[in-house]
Amino acid sequence: MREGPLTAPPRDRYAALREAGPIHRAGPGPGPAGWLVVGYDLAREALAHPGLVPAPPGSPETPSRHSRLRDLVAGVMTPQRGQWLAPRVRRIAVELLDAMRGLREVDLVLGYTAPLPVLSLCELLGVPQERRADYRRWSFQAFGVPSGSPEALARLRDQLADLIADKRRRPGDDLLSGLLAAEVSETGEAGEAGERVGEEELLDVALSISAAGHLYLAGVLTDAVAALLRHPDQVARLFRRPELLPGAVEEVLRYALPAELAPVRFAAEDLVLGGVRVCRGEAVTIALSSAGRDAPVLGGKDPGIFDLTRVLARHLAFGHGAHACPAASVVRLTLSIALITLFTRYPALSPAGPLDGCTGCGRPRLRVRLLRDRLPDEAPDERHAC
C-alpha cells in the first residue's frame, strides 16, 4: 500500500502505483477516508462487489432505488435503440463535416467531437428541432469544464421537465417516450406493489444521460481522434482491414478512456478488498484508465501500446457487474460512426498543434488540418460497426 491523495494522477504515474500494489490508502483530504484501486483484476472485483454501494450507509439514495432506475434505463437502451439511432448519428456527423468544407484548419472539438454527442442526444431524447439550440446551450454551460453553471443546470432541468410532460401527452419513438412506457408497464399489476417512478427520478435519469453524453462521449471521441492522429499507421491499417473496426473501438476505449475515475463507491459493511480491510462507510474509488493499462492481453503484447489489431482488448470503460453502463451499445455505435465518417472524409487528417492535453478534462482543444489527399480504396462501413 502507498499513501497519497485520492485524486486522479496522470496516466504515466499509474504504472508506479500498480507496481506498488493494486489498492492504495488515500491520504488526508476534504472527502471521506478511502481507497484507490488501480489494478485491473481488483477493479473488476470492486465494481461487482455487493458490499460496495453508490451512496454512504444511511443515505436516502438506497441501492435498491439506484438499481431500479438503472434497470429502467437498461430496458429501453437496447441494441435496437442503437440501430434506430445509427442513421441519425451518421446524418449529424456528415452535416458537421459539411460545415467545415473549404476550411484548412479547425478546432475539431468545437466543430465535431463536442457537438456530435449533444446533437445525438437530441435525437435520442426526442428534443424537437425548435428546442435544440436551447438544449445545446444549456447543456454546454451546465456541464462545461472546468466548472459548470448552476443557473444553466436549472434551465436544462426545466427544459427536460417540459419535454417529459410533452412526451406523456404525445409519446414518440425516442428514449424518453420509451422510459415513460416502461414506467407504465412496471407500475401495473406485475410491478413492485404499484410503485411509481417519480417525476424527479425521471428528471434525474434524463440529466444523467445528458451529462454522460456531454462529458463522457465527447471526451472519449476527442481522445480517440487524438490517439489515431498520434498513430497514422493505425488509421491506414483500419482502412485496409475494415473488419478490425469493432475491435478497434474496444482498443480506443481501453487506451484513450478520458474517465480517469469511476463514481465513488462506499462500503456498506466492513469488508476485505485486495487483502486490505475496508471499514463501513469508507470510500473506494476505481481508476478505470489505470485498469485498462493493466488488463491482461493475449499474445504477450504490451498493454501500454495502442494497437488496433489487439485481440480481445479488455477494459472497464463501461464499468462491470450490476453497475455496468446500460448505454454501452449506443456509445460503441456512436463512436464507430463518428470515427468512420471523419476519417473517410479526411483520411489524411493531421494535427495542427500539440496533442498533449487533448482529453475530456479541462478545456480540450484539438486543432487539425483538414487534408483529404485521396480517399482510401476501401473505407469501413456500418456492417463492421459495433
Protein backbone atom coordinates (compact mmCIF):
# COMPACT_ATOMS: atom_id res chain seq x y z
CA MET A 1 0.00 0.00 0.00
CA ARG A 2 1.08 3.55 -0.59
CA GLU A 3 -0.04 6.81 0.98
CA GLY A 4 -1.23 9.56 -1.32
CA PRO A 5 -4.12 11.90 -2.11
CA LEU A 6 -7.28 10.37 -3.54
CA THR A 7 -7.05 12.15 -6.86
CA ALA A 8 -6.58 11.06 -10.45
CA PRO A 9 -2.84 11.17 -11.07
CA PRO A 10 -1.55 11.48 -14.63
CA ARG A 11 -1.69 8.22 -16.54
CA ASP A 12 2.06 7.87 -16.64
CA ARG A 13 2.08 7.77 -12.81
CA TYR A 14 -0.46 4.96 -12.54
CA ALA A 15 2.20 2.45 -13.61
CA ALA A 16 4.23 3.24 -10.49
CA LEU A 17 1.13 2.86 -8.34
CA ARG A 18 0.35 -0.52 -9.90
CA GLU A 19 3.87 -1.73 -9.25
CA ALA A 20 3.38 -0.94 -5.57
CA GLY A 21 0.11 -2.83 -5.40
CA PRO A 22 -3.46 -2.88 -6.76
CA ILE A 23 -5.00 -0.80 -3.93
CA HIS A 24 -3.72 2.24 -2.01
CA ARG A 25 -4.84 4.07 1.08
CA ALA A 26 -5.83 7.68 0.38
CA GLY A 27 -4.17 10.46 2.28
CA PRO A 28 -5.97 13.24 4.19
CA GLY A 29 -8.39 15.25 2.10
CA PRO A 30 -11.75 17.03 2.16
CA GLY A 31 -13.72 13.88 1.34
CA PRO A 32 -14.31 10.70 3.33
CA ALA A 33 -11.45 8.38 4.16
CA GLY A 34 -10.97 5.93 1.36
CA TRP A 35 -9.03 3.78 -1.03
CA LEU A 36 -7.86 3.96 -4.65
CA VAL A 37 -7.93 0.80 -6.78
CA VAL A 38 -5.53 0.78 -9.76
CA GLY A 39 -5.22 -2.90 -10.78
CA TYR A 40 -7.47 -4.47 -13.42
CA ASP A 41 -8.45 -7.68 -11.60
CA LEU A 42 -9.18 -5.89 -8.34
CA ALA A 43 -11.08 -3.15 -10.19
CA ARG A 44 -13.38 -5.78 -11.71
CA GLU A 45 -13.89 -7.29 -8.29
CA ALA A 46 -14.63 -3.91 -6.72
CA LEU A 47 -17.10 -2.88 -9.43
CA ALA A 48 -19.10 -6.07 -8.90
CA HIS A 49 -18.71 -6.29 -5.11
CA PRO A 50 -22.15 -6.40 -3.43
CA GLY A 51 -20.74 -4.67 -0.35
CA LEU A 52 -19.74 -1.54 -2.31
CA VAL A 53 -22.72 0.72 -2.98
CA PRO A 54 -23.24 4.09 -4.76
CA ALA A 55 -24.03 6.07 -1.59
CA PRO A 56 -22.78 6.08 2.02
CA PRO A 57 -24.66 3.96 4.57
CA GLY A 58 -27.71 5.83 5.80
CA SER A 59 -28.03 7.93 2.65
CA PRO A 60 -31.53 8.33 1.12
CA GLU A 61 -30.00 7.19 -2.20
CA THR A 62 -30.55 3.50 -1.48
CA PRO A 63 -29.01 0.70 -3.57
CA SER A 64 -32.49 -0.58 -4.46
CA ARG A 65 -33.54 2.81 -5.88
CA HIS A 66 -30.32 3.08 -7.87
CA SER A 67 -30.77 -0.44 -9.26
CA ARG A 68 -34.41 0.21 -10.13
CA LEU A 69 -33.58 3.32 -12.15
CA ARG A 70 -30.64 1.60 -13.84
CA ASP A 71 -32.86 -1.36 -14.80
CA LEU A 72 -35.44 1.06 -16.18
CA VAL A 73 -32.83 2.61 -18.49
CA ALA A 74 -31.35 -0.77 -19.44
CA GLY A 75 -34.78 -1.98 -20.51
CA VAL A 76 -35.09 0.70 -23.20
CA MET A 77 -31.41 1.32 -24.08
CA THR A 78 -31.27 -1.76 -26.27
CA PRO A 79 -29.22 -2.69 -29.37
CA GLN A 80 -32.41 -1.98 -31.33
CA ARG A 81 -32.33 1.54 -29.98
CA GLY A 82 -28.80 1.84 -31.34
CA GLN A 83 -29.95 0.65 -34.77
CA TRP A 84 -32.70 3.28 -34.67
CA LEU A 85 -30.16 5.94 -33.71
CA ALA A 86 -27.41 4.98 -36.20
CA PRO A 87 -28.68 6.78 -39.34
CA ARG A 88 -29.41 9.87 -37.28
CA VAL A 89 -25.87 9.97 -35.88
CA ARG A 90 -24.46 9.46 -39.39
CA ARG A 91 -26.51 12.39 -40.69
CA ILE A 92 -25.31 14.62 -37.85
CA ALA A 93 -21.67 13.65 -38.49
CA VAL A 94 -21.97 14.43 -42.20
CA GLU A 95 -23.66 17.78 -41.54
CA LEU A 96 -20.96 18.83 -39.07
CA LEU A 97 -18.19 17.91 -41.52
CA ASP A 98 -20.03 19.66 -44.35
CA ALA A 99 -19.96 22.83 -42.26
CA MET A 100 -16.15 22.65 -42.31
CA ARG A 101 -15.92 22.40 -46.08
CA GLY A 102 -13.42 24.86 -47.51
CA LEU A 103 -11.54 25.29 -44.23
CA ARG A 104 -7.94 24.18 -43.97
CA GLU A 105 -7.58 24.24 -40.20
CA VAL A 106 -10.20 23.87 -37.44
CA ASP A 107 -10.62 23.08 -33.78
CA LEU A 108 -12.16 19.64 -34.07
CA VAL A 109 -13.51 19.75 -30.50
CA LEU A 110 -15.63 22.82 -31.21
CA GLY A 111 -16.62 21.68 -34.69
CA TYR A 112 -17.12 17.93 -34.28
CA THR A 113 -16.27 15.91 -31.17
CA ALA A 114 -18.23 18.10 -28.72
CA PRO A 115 -21.38 18.94 -30.73
CA LEU A 116 -21.84 15.45 -32.24
CA PRO A 117 -22.71 13.74 -28.91
CA VAL A 118 -25.02 16.58 -27.85
CA LEU A 119 -26.89 16.58 -31.17
CA SER A 120 -27.10 12.79 -30.98
CA LEU A 121 -28.65 13.17 -27.53
CA CYS A 122 -31.27 15.49 -29.03
CA GLU A 123 -32.26 12.63 -31.33
CA LEU A 124 -32.12 10.06 -28.55
CA LEU A 125 -34.21 12.09 -26.10
CA GLY A 126 -36.60 13.38 -28.75
CA VAL A 127 -35.79 17.09 -28.34
CA PRO A 128 -37.80 18.99 -31.00
CA GLN A 129 -35.86 20.98 -33.57
CA GLU A 130 -37.08 24.30 -32.24
CA ARG A 131 -35.70 23.50 -28.76
CA ARG A 132 -32.33 22.06 -29.76
CA ALA A 133 -30.43 25.34 -29.72
CA ASP A 134 -31.51 25.85 -26.10
CA TYR A 135 -30.63 22.26 -25.20
CA ARG A 136 -27.15 22.66 -26.69
CA ARG A 137 -26.58 25.99 -24.96
CA TRP A 138 -27.78 24.90 -21.52
CA SER A 139 -26.03 21.52 -21.62
CA PHE A 140 -22.71 23.02 -22.73
CA GLN A 141 -22.92 25.60 -19.95
CA ALA A 142 -24.27 23.20 -17.31
CA PHE A 143 -21.64 20.52 -17.87
CA GLY A 144 -18.84 22.75 -19.08
CA VAL A 145 -15.32 22.43 -17.77
CA PRO A 146 -13.57 23.32 -15.61
CA SER A 147 -16.83 24.25 -13.83
CA GLY A 148 -20.45 24.20 -14.88
CA SER A 149 -23.09 26.86 -14.38
CA PRO A 150 -25.76 26.15 -11.72
CA GLU A 151 -28.11 28.54 -13.50
CA ALA A 152 -27.67 26.67 -16.79
CA LEU A 153 -28.26 23.35 -15.00
CA ALA A 154 -31.53 24.71 -13.59
CA ARG A 155 -32.55 25.90 -17.07
CA LEU A 156 -31.70 22.49 -18.55
CA ARG A 157 -33.66 20.74 -15.81
CA ASP A 158 -36.70 22.93 -16.54
CA GLN A 159 -36.41 22.18 -20.26
CA LEU A 160 -36.23 18.43 -19.63
CA ALA A 161 -39.22 18.63 -17.27
CA ASP A 162 -41.25 20.31 -20.02
CA LEU A 163 -40.03 17.69 -22.50
CA ILE A 164 -41.10 14.82 -20.23
CA ALA A 165 -44.53 16.44 -19.84
CA ASP A 166 -44.82 16.68 -23.65
CA LYS A 167 -43.85 13.01 -24.05
CA ARG A 168 -46.55 11.99 -21.56
CA ARG A 169 -49.13 13.70 -23.73
CA ARG A 170 -47.67 12.80 -27.13
CA PRO A 171 -45.23 9.87 -26.94
CA GLY A 172 -42.90 9.14 -29.85
CA ASP A 173 -40.23 6.56 -30.63
CA ASP A 174 -37.47 8.31 -28.64
CA LEU A 175 -35.81 7.21 -25.40
CA LEU A 176 -37.87 9.40 -23.07
CA SER A 177 -41.09 8.01 -24.51
CA GLY A 178 -39.65 4.53 -24.07
CA LEU A 179 -38.83 5.28 -20.42
CA LEU A 180 -42.36 6.52 -19.82
CA ALA A 181 -43.83 3.43 -21.47
CA ALA A 182 -41.57 1.19 -19.36
CA GLU A 183 -42.65 3.12 -16.27
CA VAL A 184 -46.32 2.46 -17.02
CA SER A 185 -45.59 -1.21 -17.70
CA GLU A 186 -43.64 -1.66 -14.47
CA THR A 187 -46.26 0.07 -12.31
CA GLY A 188 -49.08 -2.22 -13.35
CA GLU A 189 -50.30 -5.27 -11.51
CA ALA A 190 -46.95 -7.03 -12.07
CA GLY A 191 -44.98 -4.07 -10.72
CA GLU A 192 -43.50 -3.63 -7.28
CA ALA A 193 -46.72 -3.05 -5.35
CA GLY A 194 -47.67 -0.31 -7.82
CA GLU A 195 -44.54 1.70 -7.02
CA ARG A 196 -44.34 4.57 -9.47
CA VAL A 197 -41.19 6.17 -10.81
CA GLY A 198 -41.43 9.78 -9.70
CA GLU A 199 -41.08 12.86 -11.85
CA GLU A 200 -37.87 13.82 -10.06
CA GLU A 201 -36.41 10.37 -10.71
CA LEU A 202 -37.16 10.59 -14.43
CA LEU A 203 -35.61 14.04 -14.48
CA ASP A 204 -32.52 12.68 -12.74
CA VAL A 205 -32.25 9.94 -15.39
CA ALA A 206 -32.59 12.47 -18.24
CA LEU A 207 -29.98 14.74 -16.65
CA SER A 208 -27.60 11.83 -16.07
CA ILE A 209 -27.89 10.78 -19.72
CA SER A 210 -27.29 14.38 -20.82
CA ALA A 211 -24.22 14.69 -18.59
CA ALA A 212 -22.81 11.35 -19.77
CA GLY A 213 -23.20 12.31 -23.43
CA HIS A 214 -21.65 15.73 -22.96
CA LEU A 215 -18.78 14.75 -20.67
CA TYR A 216 -18.06 11.10 -21.32
CA LEU A 217 -18.83 10.52 -25.00
CA ALA A 218 -17.40 13.87 -26.11
CA GLY A 219 -14.27 13.12 -24.09
CA VAL A 220 -13.74 9.61 -25.42
CA LEU A 221 -14.36 10.76 -29.01
CA THR A 222 -11.82 13.58 -28.61
CA ASP A 223 -9.25 11.25 -27.08
CA ALA A 224 -9.92 8.61 -29.74
CA VAL A 225 -9.20 11.08 -32.55
CA ALA A 226 -6.07 12.30 -30.74
CA ALA A 227 -4.84 8.71 -30.31
CA LEU A 228 -5.39 7.98 -34.01
CA LEU A 229 -3.61 11.20 -35.00
CA ARG A 230 -0.64 10.06 -32.93
CA HIS A 231 -0.68 6.75 -34.82
CA PRO A 232 -1.48 7.45 -38.51
CA ASP A 233 -0.25 3.97 -39.41
CA GLN A 234 -3.13 2.58 -37.37
CA VAL A 235 -5.64 4.60 -39.39
CA ALA A 236 -4.19 3.23 -42.64
CA ARG A 237 -4.36 -0.29 -41.23
CA LEU A 238 -8.01 0.17 -40.29
CA PHE A 239 -8.93 1.21 -43.81
CA ARG A 240 -7.06 -1.75 -45.27
CA ARG A 241 -8.83 -4.13 -42.89
CA PRO A 242 -12.32 -2.78 -42.12
CA GLU A 243 -13.18 -5.95 -40.20
CA LEU A 244 -10.93 -4.58 -37.45
CA LEU A 245 -13.40 -1.81 -36.60
CA PRO A 246 -15.28 -3.46 -33.68
CA GLY A 247 -12.00 -4.45 -32.02
CA ALA A 248 -10.53 -1.03 -32.80
CA VAL A 249 -13.36 0.65 -30.87
CA GLU A 250 -12.62 -1.57 -27.86
CA GLU A 251 -8.92 -0.69 -28.09
CA VAL A 252 -9.80 3.01 -28.23
CA LEU A 253 -11.97 2.60 -25.12
CA ARG A 254 -9.16 0.76 -23.36
CA TYR A 255 -6.32 3.08 -24.33
CA ALA A 256 -7.92 6.51 -24.71
CA LEU A 257 -10.53 6.42 -21.95
CA PRO A 258 -10.98 10.01 -20.66
CA ALA A 259 -12.80 8.94 -17.47
CA GLU A 260 -9.90 8.53 -15.05
CA LEU A 261 -12.09 7.50 -12.12
CA ALA A 262 -15.36 5.63 -11.70
CA PRO A 263 -18.03 7.17 -9.46
CA VAL A 264 -17.07 6.70 -5.83
CA ARG A 265 -18.49 3.67 -4.05
CA PHE A 266 -18.88 3.18 -0.31
CA ALA A 267 -18.52 0.16 1.90
CA ALA A 268 -21.97 -0.83 3.19
CA GLU A 269 -20.22 -3.00 5.78
CA ASP A 270 -16.71 -3.94 6.83
CA LEU A 271 -15.10 -5.96 4.04
CA VAL A 272 -11.77 -7.16 2.65
CA LEU A 273 -10.63 -5.93 -0.76
CA GLY A 274 -7.27 -6.84 -2.25
CA GLY A 275 -6.09 -8.10 1.12
CA VAL A 276 -6.85 -4.86 2.99
CA ARG A 277 -9.66 -4.13 5.42
CA VAL A 278 -12.16 -1.53 4.19
CA CYS A 279 -14.32 -0.21 7.03
CA ARG A 280 -18.02 0.57 6.79
CA GLY A 281 -18.60 3.99 5.22
CA GLU A 282 -15.14 4.29 3.67
CA ALA A 283 -14.94 5.40 0.03
CA VAL A 284 -13.50 3.20 -2.70
CA THR A 285 -12.51 4.88 -5.98
CA ILE A 286 -11.57 2.84 -9.04
CA ALA A 287 -9.08 4.17 -11.57
CA LEU A 288 -10.68 2.95 -14.80
CA SER A 289 -7.95 4.18 -17.13
CA SER A 290 -5.29 2.53 -14.98
CA ALA A 291 -7.22 -0.73 -15.06
CA GLY A 292 -7.27 -0.60 -18.87
CA ARG A 293 -3.48 -0.29 -18.97
CA ASP A 294 -3.22 -3.21 -16.54
CA ALA A 295 -5.70 -5.52 -18.29
CA PRO A 296 -4.40 -8.96 -19.33
CA VAL A 297 -3.65 -9.18 -23.06
CA LEU A 298 -3.32 -12.10 -25.44
CA GLY A 299 -0.04 -12.89 -27.15
CA GLY A 300 2.09 -11.05 -24.61
CA LYS A 301 1.53 -7.64 -26.24
CA ASP A 302 2.41 -4.62 -24.13
CA PRO A 303 -0.86 -3.11 -22.78
CA GLY A 304 0.83 0.31 -22.83
CA ILE A 305 0.90 0.27 -26.65
CA PHE A 306 -2.01 1.47 -28.80
CA ASP A 307 -2.76 -1.39 -31.21
CA LEU A 308 -5.98 -1.59 -33.23
CA THR A 309 -5.24 -5.21 -34.14
CA ARG A 310 -5.27 -6.27 -30.49
CA VAL A 311 -7.41 -9.35 -29.95
CA LEU A 312 -9.93 -9.01 -27.13
CA ALA A 313 -8.96 -5.62 -25.74
CA ARG A 314 -10.17 -5.84 -22.14
CA HIS A 315 -11.24 -2.66 -20.39
CA LEU A 316 -13.67 -1.31 -17.81
CA ALA A 317 -14.84 1.74 -19.74
CA PHE A 318 -18.47 0.83 -19.04
CA GLY A 319 -17.93 -0.49 -15.54
CA HIS A 320 -18.67 -4.09 -14.64
CA GLY A 321 -21.33 -6.13 -12.91
CA ALA A 322 -24.61 -4.71 -11.62
CA HIS A 323 -23.46 -1.11 -12.15
CA ALA A 324 -22.30 -1.52 -15.76
CA CYS A 325 -23.35 1.27 -18.09
CA PRO A 326 -26.69 0.39 -19.73
CA ALA A 327 -25.87 2.60 -22.74
CA ALA A 328 -22.73 0.70 -23.76
CA SER A 329 -24.09 -0.48 -27.12
CA VAL A 330 -25.22 3.05 -28.05
CA VAL A 331 -21.84 4.54 -27.08
CA ARG A 332 -19.97 1.94 -29.14
CA LEU A 333 -22.15 2.57 -32.19
CA THR A 334 -21.90 6.36 -31.94
CA LEU A 335 -18.13 6.19 -31.56
CA SER A 336 -17.83 3.85 -34.55
CA ILE A 337 -19.90 6.06 -36.83
CA ALA A 338 -18.17 9.26 -35.73
CA LEU A 339 -14.69 7.87 -36.43
CA ILE A 340 -15.66 6.20 -39.72
CA THR A 341 -17.27 9.36 -41.06
CA LEU A 342 -14.41 11.64 -40.01
CA PHE A 343 -11.53 9.59 -41.39
CA THR A 344 -13.41 8.64 -44.56
CA ARG A 345 -13.93 12.32 -45.33
CA TYR A 346 -10.41 13.31 -44.26
CA PRO A 347 -8.12 10.23 -44.44
CA ALA A 348 -5.01 12.43 -44.24
CA LEU A 349 -6.24 14.41 -41.23
CA SER A 350 -3.22 15.71 -39.31
CA PRO A 351 -2.60 17.69 -36.13
CA ALA A 352 -2.04 21.43 -36.42
CA GLY A 353 -0.68 21.74 -32.90
CA PRO A 354 0.40 19.70 -29.88
CA LEU A 355 -1.80 16.76 -28.97
CA ASP A 356 -0.85 16.80 -25.29
CA GLY A 357 -3.79 17.66 -23.08
CA CYS A 358 -6.40 16.75 -25.69
CA THR A 359 -8.58 14.96 -23.16
CA GLY A 360 -12.13 15.24 -21.96
CA CYS A 361 -10.85 17.03 -18.83
CA GLY A 362 -10.06 20.73 -18.62
CA ARG A 363 -10.84 22.80 -21.73
CA PRO A 364 -9.83 20.50 -24.58
CA ARG A 365 -8.67 21.82 -27.92
CA LEU A 366 -7.75 19.72 -30.93
CA ARG A 367 -6.59 21.80 -33.86
CA VAL A 368 -6.26 19.78 -37.07
CA ARG A 369 -5.54 20.29 -40.76
CA LEU A 370 -8.35 19.04 -42.95
CA LEU A 371 -6.29 17.22 -45.56
CA ARG A 372 -8.17 14.91 -47.88
CA ASP A 373 -5.36 13.85 -50.23
CA ARG A 374 -7.19 10.83 -51.59
CA LEU A 375 -9.99 8.66 -50.33
CA PRO A 376 -8.95 5.21 -49.16
CA ASP A 377 -9.60 2.31 -51.51
CA GLU A 378 -11.93 0.73 -49.00
CA ALA A 379 -13.44 2.50 -46.02
CA PRO A 380 -15.03 0.71 -43.08
CA ASP A 381 -18.81 0.82 -43.12
CA GLU A 382 -21.56 0.14 -40.63
CA ARG A 383 -21.63 -3.55 -41.43
CA HIS A 384 -18.49 -3.64 -39.31
CA ALA A 385 -19.75 -1.21 -36.66
CA CYS A 386 -20.29 -2.36 -33.10
